[in-house]
């Protein structure tokens, strides 16, 4: 699961935190990896990753799988590589 805190920082969490409702009220967003993200969730992830936000017009039409891989990569290394999906 990905989490975006009230400051807009993206992180990966193992499971829903026990104080999920408090964090949600404070502005946190929790994005499960096992379902398709809606447009607002995709936008929040793109804006949370500076490299993607700078190229927003290019990446907003990428697939959910591509965006989730970039988010996971960002959480591991605080950077992203612009690579195409195979296929």
N, C-alpha and C. Protein backbone atom coordinates (compact mmCIF):
# COMPACT_ATOMS: atom_id res chain seq x y z
N UNK A 1 0.85 -1.16 0.00
CA UNK A 1 0.00 0.00 0.00
C UNK A 1 0.90 1.23 0.00
N UNK A 2 0.50 2.23 -0.76
CA UNK A 2 1.21 3.50 -0.77
C UNK A 2 0.45 4.49 0.11
N UNK A 3 1.19 5.40 0.71
CA UNK A 3 0.59 6.45 1.53
C UNK A 3 1.19 7.78 1.11
N UNK A 4 0.35 8.78 1.02
CA UNK A 4 0.79 10.14 0.77
C UNK A 4 0.37 10.95 1.98
N UNK A 5 1.36 11.52 2.67
CA UNK A 5 1.04 12.26 3.89
C UNK A 5 0.50 13.65 3.58
N UNK A 6 0.13 14.39 4.62
CA UNK A 6 -0.48 15.70 4.42
C UNK A 6 0.46 16.69 3.76
N UNK A 7 1.76 16.42 3.78
CA UNK A 7 2.74 17.28 3.11
C UNK A 7 3.00 16.89 1.67
N UNK A 8 2.39 15.79 1.21
CA UNK A 8 2.54 15.35 -0.16
C UNK A 8 3.67 14.37 -0.40
N UNK A 9 4.26 13.82 0.67
CA UNK A 9 5.34 12.86 0.53
C UNK A 9 4.79 11.45 0.36
N UNK A 10 5.35 10.75 -0.60
CA UNK A 10 4.92 9.39 -0.91
C UNK A 10 5.79 8.40 -0.15
N UNK A 11 5.16 7.38 0.42
CA UNK A 11 5.88 6.30 1.08
C UNK A 11 5.11 5.00 0.88
N UNK A 12 5.77 3.91 1.15
CA UNK A 12 5.13 2.60 1.05
C UNK A 12 4.96 2.06 2.46
N UNK A 13 3.78 1.56 2.76
CA UNK A 13 3.51 0.97 4.07
C UNK A 13 3.06 -0.47 3.87
N UNK A 14 3.37 -1.30 4.84
CA UNK A 14 3.07 -2.73 4.73
C UNK A 14 1.58 -3.04 4.87
N UNK A 15 0.91 -2.30 5.74
CA UNK A 15 -0.52 -2.54 5.96
C UNK A 15 -1.18 -1.26 6.45
N UNK A 16 -2.46 -1.30 6.48
CA UNK A 16 -3.22 -0.14 6.94
C UNK A 16 -2.85 0.17 8.39
N UNK A 17 -2.45 1.41 8.68
CA UNK A 17 -2.05 1.73 10.05
C UNK A 17 -3.24 1.71 11.02
N UNK A 18 -2.94 1.47 12.29
CA UNK A 18 -4.01 1.39 13.29
C UNK A 18 -4.74 2.72 13.44
N UNK A 19 -4.07 3.83 13.18
CA UNK A 19 -4.70 5.16 13.30
C UNK A 19 -5.06 5.73 11.93
N UNK A 20 -5.47 4.86 11.04
CA UNK A 20 -5.82 5.22 9.67
C UNK A 20 -6.86 6.33 9.61
N UNK A 21 -7.89 6.25 10.43
CA UNK A 21 -8.95 7.25 10.39
C UNK A 21 -8.44 8.64 10.79
N UNK A 22 -7.56 8.70 11.78
CA UNK A 22 -6.99 9.98 12.22
C UNK A 22 -6.11 10.57 11.11
N UNK A 23 -5.28 9.72 10.53
CA UNK A 23 -4.40 10.18 9.45
C UNK A 23 -5.21 10.63 8.24
N UNK A 24 -6.26 9.92 7.91
CA UNK A 24 -7.11 10.29 6.78
C UNK A 24 -7.74 11.66 7.01
N UNK A 25 -8.21 11.90 8.22
CA UNK A 25 -8.78 13.22 8.54
C UNK A 25 -7.74 14.34 8.45
N UNK A 26 -6.48 14.02 8.73
CA UNK A 26 -5.42 15.02 8.65
C UNK A 26 -4.94 15.25 7.21
N UNK A 27 -5.44 14.46 6.26
CA UNK A 27 -5.09 14.68 4.86
C UNK A 27 -4.27 13.59 4.21
N UNK A 28 -3.97 12.52 4.94
CA UNK A 28 -3.24 11.42 4.35
C UNK A 28 -4.14 10.70 3.34
N UNK A 29 -3.50 10.11 2.33
CA UNK A 29 -4.21 9.27 1.36
C UNK A 29 -3.54 7.91 1.35
N UNK A 30 -4.34 6.87 1.38
CA UNK A 30 -3.83 5.50 1.34
C UNK A 30 -4.31 4.85 0.04
N UNK A 31 -3.37 4.32 -0.73
CA UNK A 31 -3.67 3.80 -2.06
C UNK A 31 -3.27 2.33 -2.14
N UNK A 32 -4.25 1.42 -2.12
CA UNK A 32 -3.94 0.01 -2.25
C UNK A 32 -3.32 -0.29 -3.62
N UNK A 33 -2.37 -1.19 -3.62
CA UNK A 33 -1.70 -1.55 -4.88
C UNK A 33 -2.49 -2.58 -5.67
N UNK A 34 -3.46 -3.23 -5.06
CA UNK A 34 -4.14 -4.34 -5.71
C UNK A 34 -5.45 -3.95 -6.40
N UNK A 35 -5.63 -2.67 -6.66
CA UNK A 35 -6.81 -2.25 -7.42
C UNK A 35 -6.42 -1.08 -8.32
N UNK A 36 -7.26 -0.81 -9.29
CA UNK A 36 -7.02 0.30 -10.21
C UNK A 36 -7.25 1.62 -9.48
N UNK A 37 -6.34 2.57 -9.69
CA UNK A 37 -6.47 3.87 -9.05
C UNK A 37 -7.37 4.78 -9.88
N UNK A 38 -8.16 5.61 -9.21
CA UNK A 38 -8.98 6.57 -9.94
C UNK A 38 -8.11 7.78 -10.33
N UNK A 39 -8.68 8.70 -11.06
CA UNK A 39 -7.93 9.85 -11.58
C UNK A 39 -7.33 10.70 -10.47
N UNK A 40 -8.05 10.90 -9.38
CA UNK A 40 -7.52 11.70 -8.26
C UNK A 40 -6.33 11.02 -7.59
N UNK A 41 -6.40 9.71 -7.45
CA UNK A 41 -5.31 8.97 -6.84
C UNK A 41 -4.07 9.00 -7.74
N UNK A 42 -4.28 8.81 -9.03
CA UNK A 42 -3.16 8.88 -9.98
C UNK A 42 -2.50 10.26 -9.94
N UNK A 43 -3.33 11.28 -9.92
CA UNK A 43 -2.82 12.66 -9.87
C UNK A 43 -2.01 12.89 -8.59
N UNK A 44 -2.48 12.39 -7.47
CA UNK A 44 -1.77 12.56 -6.20
C UNK A 44 -0.40 11.90 -6.24
N UNK A 45 -0.31 10.71 -6.83
CA UNK A 45 0.97 10.02 -6.93
C UNK A 45 1.91 10.77 -7.87
N UNK A 46 1.40 11.21 -9.00
CA UNK A 46 2.23 11.96 -9.95
C UNK A 46 2.78 13.22 -9.29
N UNK A 47 1.96 13.93 -8.56
CA UNK A 47 2.41 15.16 -7.90
C UNK A 47 3.37 14.89 -6.76
N UNK A 48 3.29 13.71 -6.13
CA UNK A 48 4.16 13.37 -5.02
C UNK A 48 5.58 13.01 -5.48
N UNK A 49 5.73 12.67 -6.75
CA UNK A 49 7.04 12.30 -7.29
C UNK A 49 7.50 13.43 -8.20
N UNK A 50 8.49 14.16 -7.76
CA UNK A 50 8.92 15.38 -8.46
C UNK A 50 9.23 15.14 -9.94
N UNK A 51 9.95 14.06 -10.25
CA UNK A 51 10.31 13.77 -11.65
C UNK A 51 9.07 13.57 -12.52
N UNK A 52 8.04 12.95 -11.95
CA UNK A 52 6.81 12.74 -12.71
C UNK A 52 6.00 14.02 -12.81
N UNK A 53 5.99 14.80 -11.74
CA UNK A 53 5.24 16.06 -11.75
C UNK A 53 5.80 17.01 -12.80
N UNK A 54 7.12 17.00 -12.99
CA UNK A 54 7.74 17.87 -14.00
C UNK A 54 7.37 17.46 -15.41
N UNK A 55 7.06 16.18 -15.62
CA UNK A 55 6.70 15.66 -16.93
C UNK A 55 5.26 15.17 -16.94
N UNK A 56 4.44 15.84 -16.21
CA UNK A 56 3.05 15.41 -15.97
C UNK A 56 2.28 15.11 -17.26
N UNK A 57 2.41 15.96 -18.26
CA UNK A 57 1.68 15.74 -19.51
C UNK A 57 2.09 14.45 -20.19
N UNK A 58 3.34 14.04 -20.02
CA UNK A 58 3.83 12.82 -20.65
C UNK A 58 3.42 11.56 -19.91
N UNK A 59 3.29 11.64 -18.61
CA UNK A 59 3.06 10.42 -17.82
C UNK A 59 1.61 10.20 -17.40
N UNK A 60 0.76 11.20 -17.52
CA UNK A 60 -0.60 11.03 -17.00
C UNK A 60 -1.41 10.00 -17.77
N UNK A 61 -0.99 9.65 -18.99
CA UNK A 61 -1.71 8.64 -19.76
C UNK A 61 -1.07 7.26 -19.71
N UNK A 62 -0.03 7.11 -18.90
CA UNK A 62 0.61 5.81 -18.74
C UNK A 62 -0.34 4.87 -17.97
N UNK A 63 -0.08 3.59 -18.08
CA UNK A 63 -0.93 2.60 -17.42
C UNK A 63 -0.77 2.64 -15.90
N UNK A 64 -1.75 2.09 -15.21
CA UNK A 64 -1.67 1.98 -13.75
C UNK A 64 -0.45 1.16 -13.35
N UNK A 65 -0.20 0.07 -14.07
CA UNK A 65 0.94 -0.78 -13.74
C UNK A 65 2.24 0.01 -13.84
N UNK A 66 2.38 0.82 -14.86
CA UNK A 66 3.59 1.63 -15.05
C UNK A 66 3.73 2.61 -13.88
N UNK A 67 2.65 3.27 -13.54
CA UNK A 67 2.69 4.26 -12.47
C UNK A 67 3.00 3.61 -11.12
N UNK A 68 2.43 2.44 -10.88
CA UNK A 68 2.70 1.74 -9.62
C UNK A 68 4.15 1.29 -9.54
N UNK A 69 4.74 0.87 -10.67
CA UNK A 69 6.16 0.50 -10.67
C UNK A 69 7.04 1.72 -10.39
N UNK A 70 6.69 2.87 -10.97
CA UNK A 70 7.47 4.09 -10.71
C UNK A 70 7.33 4.51 -9.24
N UNK A 71 6.13 4.37 -8.68
CA UNK A 71 5.91 4.71 -7.27
C UNK A 71 6.74 3.81 -6.36
N UNK A 72 6.75 2.51 -6.65
CA UNK A 72 7.54 1.57 -5.85
C UNK A 72 9.03 1.88 -5.98
N UNK A 73 9.46 2.18 -7.19
CA UNK A 73 10.86 2.54 -7.42
C UNK A 73 11.23 3.81 -6.65
N UNK A 74 10.36 4.78 -6.66
CA UNK A 74 10.59 6.03 -5.94
C UNK A 74 10.70 5.78 -4.43
N UNK A 75 9.84 4.93 -3.90
CA UNK A 75 9.88 4.64 -2.47
C UNK A 75 11.16 3.90 -2.09
N UNK A 76 11.70 3.09 -2.98
CA UNK A 76 12.96 2.39 -2.71
C UNK A 76 14.17 3.30 -2.79
N UNK A 77 14.21 4.17 -3.83
CA UNK A 77 15.45 4.89 -4.10
C UNK A 77 15.32 6.41 -4.15
N UNK A 78 14.11 6.93 -3.99
CA UNK A 78 13.82 8.37 -4.10
C UNK A 78 14.19 8.93 -5.46
N UNK A 79 14.09 8.08 -6.47
CA UNK A 79 14.30 8.50 -7.86
C UNK A 79 13.51 7.58 -8.76
N UNK A 80 13.30 8.00 -10.00
CA UNK A 80 12.60 7.15 -10.97
C UNK A 80 13.35 7.18 -12.29
N UNK A 81 13.23 6.08 -13.03
CA UNK A 81 13.74 6.00 -14.39
C UNK A 81 12.54 5.93 -15.32
N UNK A 82 12.61 6.70 -16.36
CA UNK A 82 11.53 6.68 -17.34
C UNK A 82 11.77 5.54 -18.31
N UNK A 83 11.09 4.44 -18.07
CA UNK A 83 11.21 3.27 -18.93
C UNK A 83 9.83 2.92 -19.46
N UNK A 84 9.84 2.31 -20.62
CA UNK A 84 8.57 1.92 -21.24
C UNK A 84 8.16 0.54 -20.76
N UNK A 85 6.87 0.26 -20.82
CA UNK A 85 6.39 -1.08 -20.52
C UNK A 85 6.77 -2.00 -21.66
N UNK A 86 7.16 -3.23 -21.36
CA UNK A 86 7.44 -4.18 -22.44
C UNK A 86 6.15 -4.54 -23.17
N UNK A 87 6.29 -4.75 -24.42
CA UNK A 87 5.11 -5.26 -25.07
C UNK A 87 4.66 -4.59 -26.24
